[in-house]
Amino acid sequence: MIRYAESRDFALLKELDRHIPEEELRRILPEKRVILIFDGDEFAGWLRYGLFWDNIPFMNMLYILEGFRGRGFGRELASFWEGEMAKSGFRRVLTSTQSDERAQFFYRKIGYSECGALILPNEPLEMIFTKNLPQKADCKGRKE
């Protein structure tokens, strides 16, 4: 099951997602910026996003818990998010990962391509990835 996080999920996310300040996490939950995935009743992971330049969905965090990795949960969660973004009218999404992380191979596998990089002092290269979303057709079959 996939669903948007709610205020009742705050304690769990606060404990697991240490990459976001508590106040920011509390602020984005009502904005539906965190999506959870479950295997039956078991919590398997989450996706958190924001908007780059205030107009391009940017996946800030995709995390699948250790015991659930390699079973398609990451792909399923990313696909759900991409579908939600497409339904909201967005034409592309972005994400990033450090060059020393394996996530870059996952993103390429699910259709993302490199579009740039960011170099911060004393940090590995941050690779930026993009993916164009399918556009819905109007009632006459034309792409909007």
N, C-alpha and C. Protein backbone atom coordinates (compact mmCIF):
# COMPACT_ATOMS: atom_id res chain seq x y z
N MET A 1 0.84 -1.17 0.00
CA MET A 1 0.00 0.00 0.00
C MET A 1 0.89 1.24 0.00
N ILE A 2 0.46 2.24 -0.74
CA ILE A 2 1.14 3.53 -0.78
C ILE A 2 0.14 4.58 -0.36
N ARG A 3 0.59 5.50 0.50
CA ARG A 3 -0.28 6.60 0.90
C ARG A 3 0.56 7.80 1.32
N TYR A 4 -0.08 8.96 1.32
CA TYR A 4 0.59 10.16 1.80
C TYR A 4 0.72 10.08 3.32
N ALA A 5 1.84 10.59 3.82
CA ALA A 5 2.06 10.63 5.26
C ALA A 5 1.09 11.62 5.88
N GLU A 6 0.72 11.32 7.12
CA GLU A 6 -0.19 12.18 7.87
C GLU A 6 0.48 12.55 9.18
N SER A 7 -0.16 13.41 9.94
CA SER A 7 0.42 13.86 11.21
C SER A 7 0.69 12.67 12.15
N ARG A 8 -0.12 11.62 12.07
CA ARG A 8 0.09 10.44 12.92
C ARG A 8 1.40 9.71 12.59
N ASP A 9 2.00 10.01 11.44
CA ASP A 9 3.26 9.38 11.03
C ASP A 9 4.49 10.18 11.44
N PHE A 10 4.25 11.34 12.06
CA PHE A 10 5.35 12.25 12.38
C PHE A 10 6.44 11.59 13.23
N ALA A 11 6.05 10.92 14.31
CA ALA A 11 7.05 10.33 15.23
C ALA A 11 7.93 9.31 14.51
N LEU A 12 7.33 8.47 13.69
CA LEU A 12 8.08 7.47 12.95
C LEU A 12 9.06 8.13 11.99
N LEU A 13 8.59 9.10 11.23
CA LEU A 13 9.45 9.77 10.25
C LEU A 13 10.55 10.58 10.94
N LYS A 14 10.22 11.22 12.04
CA LYS A 14 11.22 12.00 12.79
C LYS A 14 12.36 11.10 13.25
N GLU A 15 12.02 9.89 13.65
CA GLU A 15 13.03 8.95 14.12
C GLU A 15 13.90 8.44 12.98
N LEU A 16 13.31 8.18 11.83
CA LEU A 16 14.04 7.55 10.72
C LEU A 16 14.70 8.54 9.76
N ASP A 17 14.05 9.66 9.48
CA ASP A 17 14.55 10.62 8.49
C ASP A 17 15.33 11.72 9.21
N ARG A 18 16.62 11.52 9.31
CA ARG A 18 17.46 12.48 10.04
C ARG A 18 18.06 13.54 9.12
N HIS A 19 17.57 13.60 7.89
CA HIS A 19 18.09 14.58 6.93
C HIS A 19 17.23 15.82 6.83
N ILE A 20 16.23 15.94 7.68
CA ILE A 20 15.31 17.07 7.63
C ILE A 20 15.06 17.55 9.05
N PRO A 21 15.09 18.86 9.26
CA PRO A 21 14.79 19.37 10.61
C PRO A 21 13.35 19.03 11.01
N GLU A 22 13.17 18.79 12.28
CA GLU A 22 11.86 18.41 12.81
C GLU A 22 10.77 19.42 12.42
N GLU A 23 11.08 20.70 12.50
CA GLU A 23 10.09 21.74 12.17
C GLU A 23 9.69 21.68 10.70
N GLU A 24 10.65 21.40 9.83
CA GLU A 24 10.36 21.31 8.40
C GLU A 24 9.51 20.08 8.11
N LEU A 25 9.82 18.97 8.75
CA LEU A 25 9.03 17.77 8.57
C LEU A 25 7.59 18.02 8.99
N ARG A 26 7.42 18.66 10.11
CA ARG A 26 6.07 18.97 10.60
C ARG A 26 5.32 19.87 9.60
N ARG A 27 6.04 20.81 8.98
CA ARG A 27 5.43 21.74 8.03
C ARG A 27 4.99 21.07 6.73
N ILE A 28 5.79 20.11 6.23
CA ILE A 28 5.50 19.54 4.91
C ILE A 28 4.48 18.40 4.93
N LEU A 29 4.24 17.80 6.07
CA LEU A 29 3.28 16.69 6.12
C LEU A 29 1.89 17.11 5.61
N PRO A 30 1.33 18.24 6.06
CA PRO A 30 0.01 18.63 5.53
C PRO A 30 0.04 19.00 4.04
N GLU A 31 1.23 19.30 3.52
CA GLU A 31 1.37 19.65 2.10
C GLU A 31 1.48 18.41 1.20
N LYS A 32 1.38 17.24 1.79
CA LYS A 32 1.49 15.98 1.05
C LYS A 32 2.82 15.86 0.31
N ARG A 33 3.90 16.18 1.01
CA ARG A 33 5.23 16.12 0.43
C ARG A 33 6.00 14.88 0.86
N VAL A 34 5.32 13.97 1.60
CA VAL A 34 5.95 12.72 2.01
C VAL A 34 4.98 11.58 1.69
N ILE A 35 5.50 10.55 1.03
CA ILE A 35 4.69 9.40 0.63
C ILE A 35 5.29 8.16 1.28
N LEU A 36 4.44 7.33 1.84
CA LEU A 36 4.88 6.12 2.53
C LEU A 36 4.50 4.89 1.73
N ILE A 37 5.30 3.83 1.89
CA ILE A 37 4.99 2.55 1.27
C ILE A 37 5.03 1.47 2.34
N PHE A 38 4.10 0.52 2.23
CA PHE A 38 3.97 -0.56 3.20
C PHE A 38 3.96 -1.90 2.47
N ASP A 39 4.44 -2.91 3.15
CA ASP A 39 4.32 -4.30 2.70
C ASP A 39 3.31 -4.93 3.66
N GLY A 40 2.06 -5.00 3.23
CA GLY A 40 0.99 -5.38 4.14
C GLY A 40 0.85 -4.30 5.19
N ASP A 41 1.03 -4.65 6.44
CA ASP A 41 0.96 -3.68 7.54
C ASP A 41 2.33 -3.14 7.94
N GLU A 42 3.38 -3.67 7.32
CA GLU A 42 4.74 -3.28 7.71
C GLU A 42 5.23 -2.08 6.91
N PHE A 43 5.73 -1.08 7.62
CA PHE A 43 6.30 0.11 7.00
C PHE A 43 7.57 -0.28 6.27
N ALA A 44 7.66 0.06 4.98
CA ALA A 44 8.80 -0.35 4.17
C ALA A 44 9.70 0.81 3.75
N GLY A 45 9.17 2.04 3.70
CA GLY A 45 10.00 3.16 3.28
C GLY A 45 9.19 4.40 2.99
N TRP A 46 9.89 5.42 2.52
CA TRP A 46 9.23 6.69 2.22
C TRP A 46 9.94 7.45 1.12
N LEU A 47 9.21 8.39 0.55
CA LEU A 47 9.73 9.32 -0.45
C LEU A 47 9.32 10.71 0.03
N ARG A 48 10.28 11.63 0.00
CA ARG A 48 10.02 13.02 0.39
C ARG A 48 10.47 13.91 -0.76
N TYR A 49 9.66 14.91 -1.08
CA TYR A 49 10.02 15.78 -2.19
C TYR A 49 9.71 17.24 -1.89
N GLY A 50 10.28 18.09 -2.71
CA GLY A 50 10.04 19.53 -2.66
C GLY A 50 9.97 20.03 -4.08
N LEU A 51 10.08 21.33 -4.25
CA LEU A 51 10.05 21.92 -5.59
C LEU A 51 11.34 22.70 -5.83
N PHE A 52 12.08 22.29 -6.83
CA PHE A 52 13.30 22.98 -7.24
C PHE A 52 12.87 24.23 -8.02
N TRP A 53 13.46 25.36 -7.73
CA TRP A 53 13.07 26.63 -8.34
C TRP A 53 11.58 26.90 -8.17
N ASP A 54 10.97 26.30 -7.17
CA ASP A 54 9.55 26.46 -6.87
C ASP A 54 8.62 25.95 -7.95
N ASN A 55 9.15 25.21 -8.95
CA ASN A 55 8.25 24.73 -10.01
C ASN A 55 8.63 23.39 -10.65
N ILE A 56 9.66 22.71 -10.15
CA ILE A 56 10.01 21.40 -10.69
C ILE A 56 10.08 20.42 -9.51
N PRO A 57 9.24 19.40 -9.48
CA PRO A 57 9.30 18.44 -8.38
C PRO A 57 10.70 17.81 -8.27
N PHE A 58 11.23 17.83 -7.06
CA PHE A 58 12.56 17.32 -6.79
C PHE A 58 12.46 16.30 -5.66
N MET A 59 12.80 15.05 -5.98
CA MET A 59 12.78 13.98 -4.99
C MET A 59 13.99 14.17 -4.07
N ASN A 60 13.73 14.60 -2.84
CA ASN A 60 14.81 14.84 -1.89
C ASN A 60 15.28 13.57 -1.20
N MET A 61 14.37 12.63 -1.03
CA MET A 61 14.71 11.42 -0.28
C MET A 61 13.84 10.27 -0.76
N LEU A 62 14.49 9.19 -1.10
CA LEU A 62 13.80 7.92 -1.37
C LEU A 62 14.55 6.90 -0.52
N TYR A 63 13.86 6.36 0.47
CA TYR A 63 14.53 5.45 1.39
C TYR A 63 13.66 4.22 1.62
N ILE A 64 14.25 3.08 1.34
CA ILE A 64 13.59 1.79 1.59
C ILE A 64 14.36 1.13 2.73
N LEU A 65 13.64 0.69 3.74
CA LEU A 65 14.27 0.06 4.90
C LEU A 65 15.00 -1.22 4.47
N GLU A 66 16.07 -1.51 5.16
CA GLU A 66 16.97 -2.61 4.83
C GLU A 66 16.27 -3.92 4.44
N GLY A 67 15.38 -4.41 5.23
CA GLY A 67 14.74 -5.70 4.96
C GLY A 67 13.81 -5.72 3.76
N PHE A 68 13.54 -4.55 3.16
CA PHE A 68 12.61 -4.47 2.04
C PHE A 68 13.30 -4.12 0.73
N ARG A 69 14.59 -3.92 0.77
CA ARG A 69 15.34 -3.53 -0.44
C ARG A 69 15.43 -4.69 -1.43
N GLY A 70 15.51 -4.33 -2.71
CA GLY A 70 15.66 -5.34 -3.76
C GLY A 70 14.37 -6.06 -4.10
N ARG A 71 13.24 -5.54 -3.64
CA ARG A 71 11.95 -6.19 -3.88
C ARG A 71 10.99 -5.32 -4.68
N GLY A 72 11.49 -4.22 -5.25
CA GLY A 72 10.66 -3.39 -6.11
C GLY A 72 9.94 -2.25 -5.42
N PHE A 73 10.14 -2.09 -4.11
CA PHE A 73 9.44 -1.02 -3.39
C PHE A 73 9.90 0.37 -3.83
N GLY A 74 11.20 0.54 -4.07
CA GLY A 74 11.72 1.83 -4.52
C GLY A 74 11.15 2.22 -5.87
N ARG A 75 11.14 1.27 -6.78
CA ARG A 75 10.59 1.51 -8.11
C ARG A 75 9.10 1.86 -8.02
N GLU A 76 8.38 1.12 -7.19
CA GLU A 76 6.94 1.34 -7.03
C GLU A 76 6.65 2.72 -6.44
N LEU A 77 7.42 3.10 -5.45
CA LEU A 77 7.23 4.40 -4.80
C LEU A 77 7.57 5.54 -5.76
N ALA A 78 8.68 5.42 -6.48
CA ALA A 78 9.06 6.44 -7.45
C ALA A 78 8.01 6.55 -8.56
N SER A 79 7.52 5.43 -9.04
CA SER A 79 6.50 5.43 -10.09
C SER A 79 5.21 6.10 -9.61
N PHE A 80 4.80 5.81 -8.39
CA PHE A 80 3.61 6.44 -7.82
C PHE A 80 3.79 7.96 -7.78
N TRP A 81 4.94 8.40 -7.27
CA TRP A 81 5.22 9.84 -7.17
C TRP A 81 5.24 10.49 -8.55
N GLU A 82 5.89 9.86 -9.51
CA GLU A 82 5.93 10.40 -10.87
C GLU A 82 4.53 10.54 -11.43
N GLY A 83 3.68 9.54 -11.20
CA GLY A 83 2.30 9.60 -11.66
C GLY A 83 1.54 10.74 -11.01
N GLU A 84 1.75 10.93 -9.72
CA GLU A 84 1.10 12.05 -9.02
C GLU A 84 1.57 13.39 -9.58
N MET A 85 2.85 13.49 -9.88
CA MET A 85 3.39 14.74 -10.42
C MET A 85 2.84 15.00 -11.82
N ALA A 86 2.74 13.95 -12.63
CA ALA A 86 2.18 14.10 -13.98
C ALA A 86 0.71 14.53 -13.90
N LYS A 87 -0.05 13.92 -12.99
CA LYS A 87 -1.46 14.30 -12.81
C LYS A 87 -1.60 15.75 -12.38
N SER A 88 -0.60 16.26 -11.68
CA SER A 88 -0.62 17.65 -11.23
C SER A 88 -0.15 18.61 -12.31
N GLY A 89 0.21 18.08 -13.48
CA GLY A 89 0.57 18.93 -14.61
C GLY A 89 2.06 19.16 -14.80
N PHE A 90 2.89 18.53 -14.00
CA PHE A 90 4.33 18.70 -14.16
C PHE A 90 4.82 17.86 -15.33
N ARG A 91 5.80 18.38 -16.05
CA ARG A 91 6.32 17.70 -17.23
C ARG A 91 7.63 16.97 -16.99
N ARG A 92 8.29 17.29 -15.88
CA ARG A 92 9.56 16.63 -15.56
C ARG A 92 9.77 16.63 -14.06
N VAL A 93 10.61 15.71 -13.61
CA VAL A 93 11.00 15.64 -12.21
C VAL A 93 12.52 15.57 -12.12
N LEU A 94 13.03 15.88 -10.96
CA LEU A 94 14.47 15.85 -10.71
C LEU A 94 14.76 15.08 -9.43
N THR A 95 15.97 14.60 -9.33
CA THR A 95 16.49 14.05 -8.09
C THR A 95 18.01 14.15 -8.15
N SER A 96 18.67 13.74 -7.08
CA SER A 96 20.13 13.76 -7.08
C SER A 96 20.65 12.67 -6.14
N THR A 97 21.91 12.35 -6.33
CA THR A 97 22.59 11.43 -5.43
C THR A 97 24.09 11.71 -5.51
N GLN A 98 24.79 11.38 -4.47
CA GLN A 98 26.23 11.56 -4.50
C GLN A 98 26.87 10.50 -5.40
N SER A 99 27.99 10.89 -6.01
CA SER A 99 28.65 9.99 -6.96
C SER A 99 29.18 8.72 -6.31
N ASP A 100 29.34 8.73 -5.00
CA ASP A 100 29.84 7.52 -4.32
C ASP A 100 28.71 6.65 -3.77
N GLU A 101 27.46 6.95 -4.14
CA GLU A 101 26.32 6.16 -3.70
C GLU A 101 25.79 5.29 -4.85
N ARG A 102 25.26 4.13 -4.51
CA ARG A 102 24.73 3.21 -5.52
C ARG A 102 23.41 3.67 -6.13
N ALA A 103 22.76 4.65 -5.53
CA ALA A 103 21.45 5.10 -6.01
C ALA A 103 21.51 5.56 -7.46
N GLN A 104 22.66 6.04 -7.92
CA GLN A 104 22.75 6.51 -9.31
C GLN A 104 22.39 5.40 -10.30
N PHE A 105 22.72 4.18 -9.98
CA PHE A 105 22.41 3.06 -10.88
C PHE A 105 20.92 2.76 -10.87
N PHE A 106 20.30 2.88 -9.71
CA PHE A 106 18.86 2.70 -9.59
C PHE A 106 18.13 3.75 -10.41
N TYR A 107 18.51 5.00 -10.28
CA TYR A 107 17.81 6.07 -11.01
C TYR A 107 17.94 5.89 -12.52
N ARG A 108 19.12 5.51 -12.98
CA ARG A 108 19.27 5.25 -14.43
C ARG A 108 18.37 4.10 -14.86
N LYS A 109 18.28 3.07 -14.04
CA LYS A 109 17.48 1.88 -14.36
C LYS A 109 15.99 2.22 -14.50
N ILE A 110 15.51 3.21 -13.75
CA ILE A 110 14.09 3.56 -13.83
C ILE A 110 13.83 4.77 -14.72
N GLY A 111 14.80 5.08 -15.59
CA GLY A 111 14.54 6.07 -16.63
C GLY A 111 15.06 7.47 -16.42
N TYR A 112 15.82 7.69 -15.38
CA TYR A 112 16.39 9.02 -15.14
C TYR A 112 17.71 9.14 -15.89
N SER A 113 18.03 10.37 -16.29
CA SER A 113 19.32 10.59 -16.94
C SER A 113 20.00 11.78 -16.29
N GLU A 114 21.33 11.76 -16.32
CA GLU A 114 22.12 12.82 -15.71
C GLU A 114 21.91 14.12 -16.48
N CYS A 115 21.81 15.21 -15.73
CA CYS A 115 21.64 16.50 -16.39
C CYS A 115 22.54 17.56 -15.79
N GLY A 116 23.40 17.17 -14.86
CA GLY A 116 24.30 18.15 -14.27
C GLY A 116 24.89 17.62 -12.98
N ALA A 117 25.63 18.50 -12.31
CA ALA A 117 26.27 18.10 -11.06
C ALA A 117 26.52 19.34 -10.22
N LEU A 118 26.72 19.08 -8.96
CA LEU A 118 26.99 20.14 -7.99
C LEU A 118 28.22 19.72 -7.20
N ILE A 119 29.15 20.64 -7.04
CA ILE A 119 30.36 20.34 -6.28
C ILE A 119 30.38 21.24 -5.06
N LEU A 120 30.32 20.61 -3.89
CA LEU A 120 30.42 21.33 -2.63
C LEU A 120 31.76 21.01 -1.99
N PRO A 121 32.34 21.97 -1.27
CA PRO A 121 33.65 21.71 -0.64
C PRO A 121 33.60 20.47 0.27
N ASN A 122 34.59 19.63 0.13
CA ASN A 122 34.78 18.45 0.97
C ASN A 122 33.64 17.44 0.89
N GLU A 123 32.92 17.44 -0.20
CA GLU A 123 31.81 16.49 -0.41
C GLU A 123 32.02 15.79 -1.74
N PRO A 124 31.52 14.56 -1.90
CA PRO A 124 31.56 13.91 -3.22
C PRO A 124 30.68 14.70 -4.20
N LEU A 125 30.93 14.51 -5.46
CA LEU A 125 30.14 15.13 -6.51
C LEU A 125 28.66 14.76 -6.33
N GLU A 126 27.77 15.73 -6.36
CA GLU A 126 26.33 15.49 -6.30
C GLU A 126 25.81 15.46 -7.73
N MET A 127 25.34 14.30 -8.16
CA MET A 127 24.86 14.12 -9.52
C MET A 127 23.37 14.46 -9.58
N ILE A 128 22.98 15.28 -10.54
CA ILE A 128 21.59 15.67 -10.72
C ILE A 128 21.00 14.83 -11.85
N PHE A 129 19.80 14.30 -11.63
CA PHE A 129 19.11 13.46 -12.61
C PHE A 129 17.75 14.05 -12.94
N THR A 130 17.31 13.84 -14.16
CA THR A 130 15.99 14.30 -14.60
C THR A 130 15.25 13.17 -15.31
N LYS A 131 13.94 13.30 -15.32
CA LYS A 131 13.10 12.36 -16.06
C LYS A 131 11.89 13.12 -16.58
N ASN A 132 11.65 13.00 -17.89
CA ASN A 132 10.45 13.59 -18.46
C ASN A 132 9.26 12.69 -18.14
N LEU A 133 8.16 13.31 -17.79
CA LEU A 133 6.96 12.56 -17.45
C LEU A 133 6.05 12.45 -18.66
N PRO A 134 5.31 11.35 -18.78
CA PRO A 134 4.37 11.23 -19.89
C PRO A 134 3.30 12.31 -19.77
N GLN A 135 2.96 12.88 -20.89
CA GLN A 135 1.94 13.93 -20.91
C GLN A 135 0.60 13.34 -21.26
N LYS A 136 -0.42 13.77 -20.55
CA LYS A 136 -1.76 13.28 -20.85
C LYS A 136 -2.24 13.92 -22.15
N ALA A 137 -3.08 13.21 -22.84
CA ALA A 137 -3.65 13.71 -24.10
C ALA A 137 -4.99 14.37 -23.81
N ASP A 138 -5.33 15.36 -24.63
CA ASP A 138 -6.65 15.97 -24.48
C ASP A 138 -7.69 15.06 -25.12
N CYS A 139 -8.94 15.47 -25.16
CA CYS A 139 -10.01 14.62 -25.65
C CYS A 139 -9.86 14.28 -27.14
N LYS A 140 -9.02 14.98 -27.87
CA LYS A 140 -8.80 14.69 -29.28
C LYS A 140 -7.50 13.92 -29.50
N GLY A 141 -6.87 13.50 -28.41
CA GLY A 141 -5.67 12.69 -28.53
C GLY A 141 -4.38 13.47 -28.66
N ARG A 142 -4.44 14.79 -28.57
CA ARG A 142 -3.22 15.61 -28.67
C ARG A 142 -2.58 15.75 -27.32
N LYS A 143 -1.27 15.82 -27.32
CA LYS A 143 -0.55 16.05 -26.06
C LYS A 143 -0.75 17.49 -25.65
N GLU A 144 -0.96 17.69 -24.34
CA GLU A 144 -1.14 19.05 -23.83
C GLU A 144 0.20 19.72 -23.68
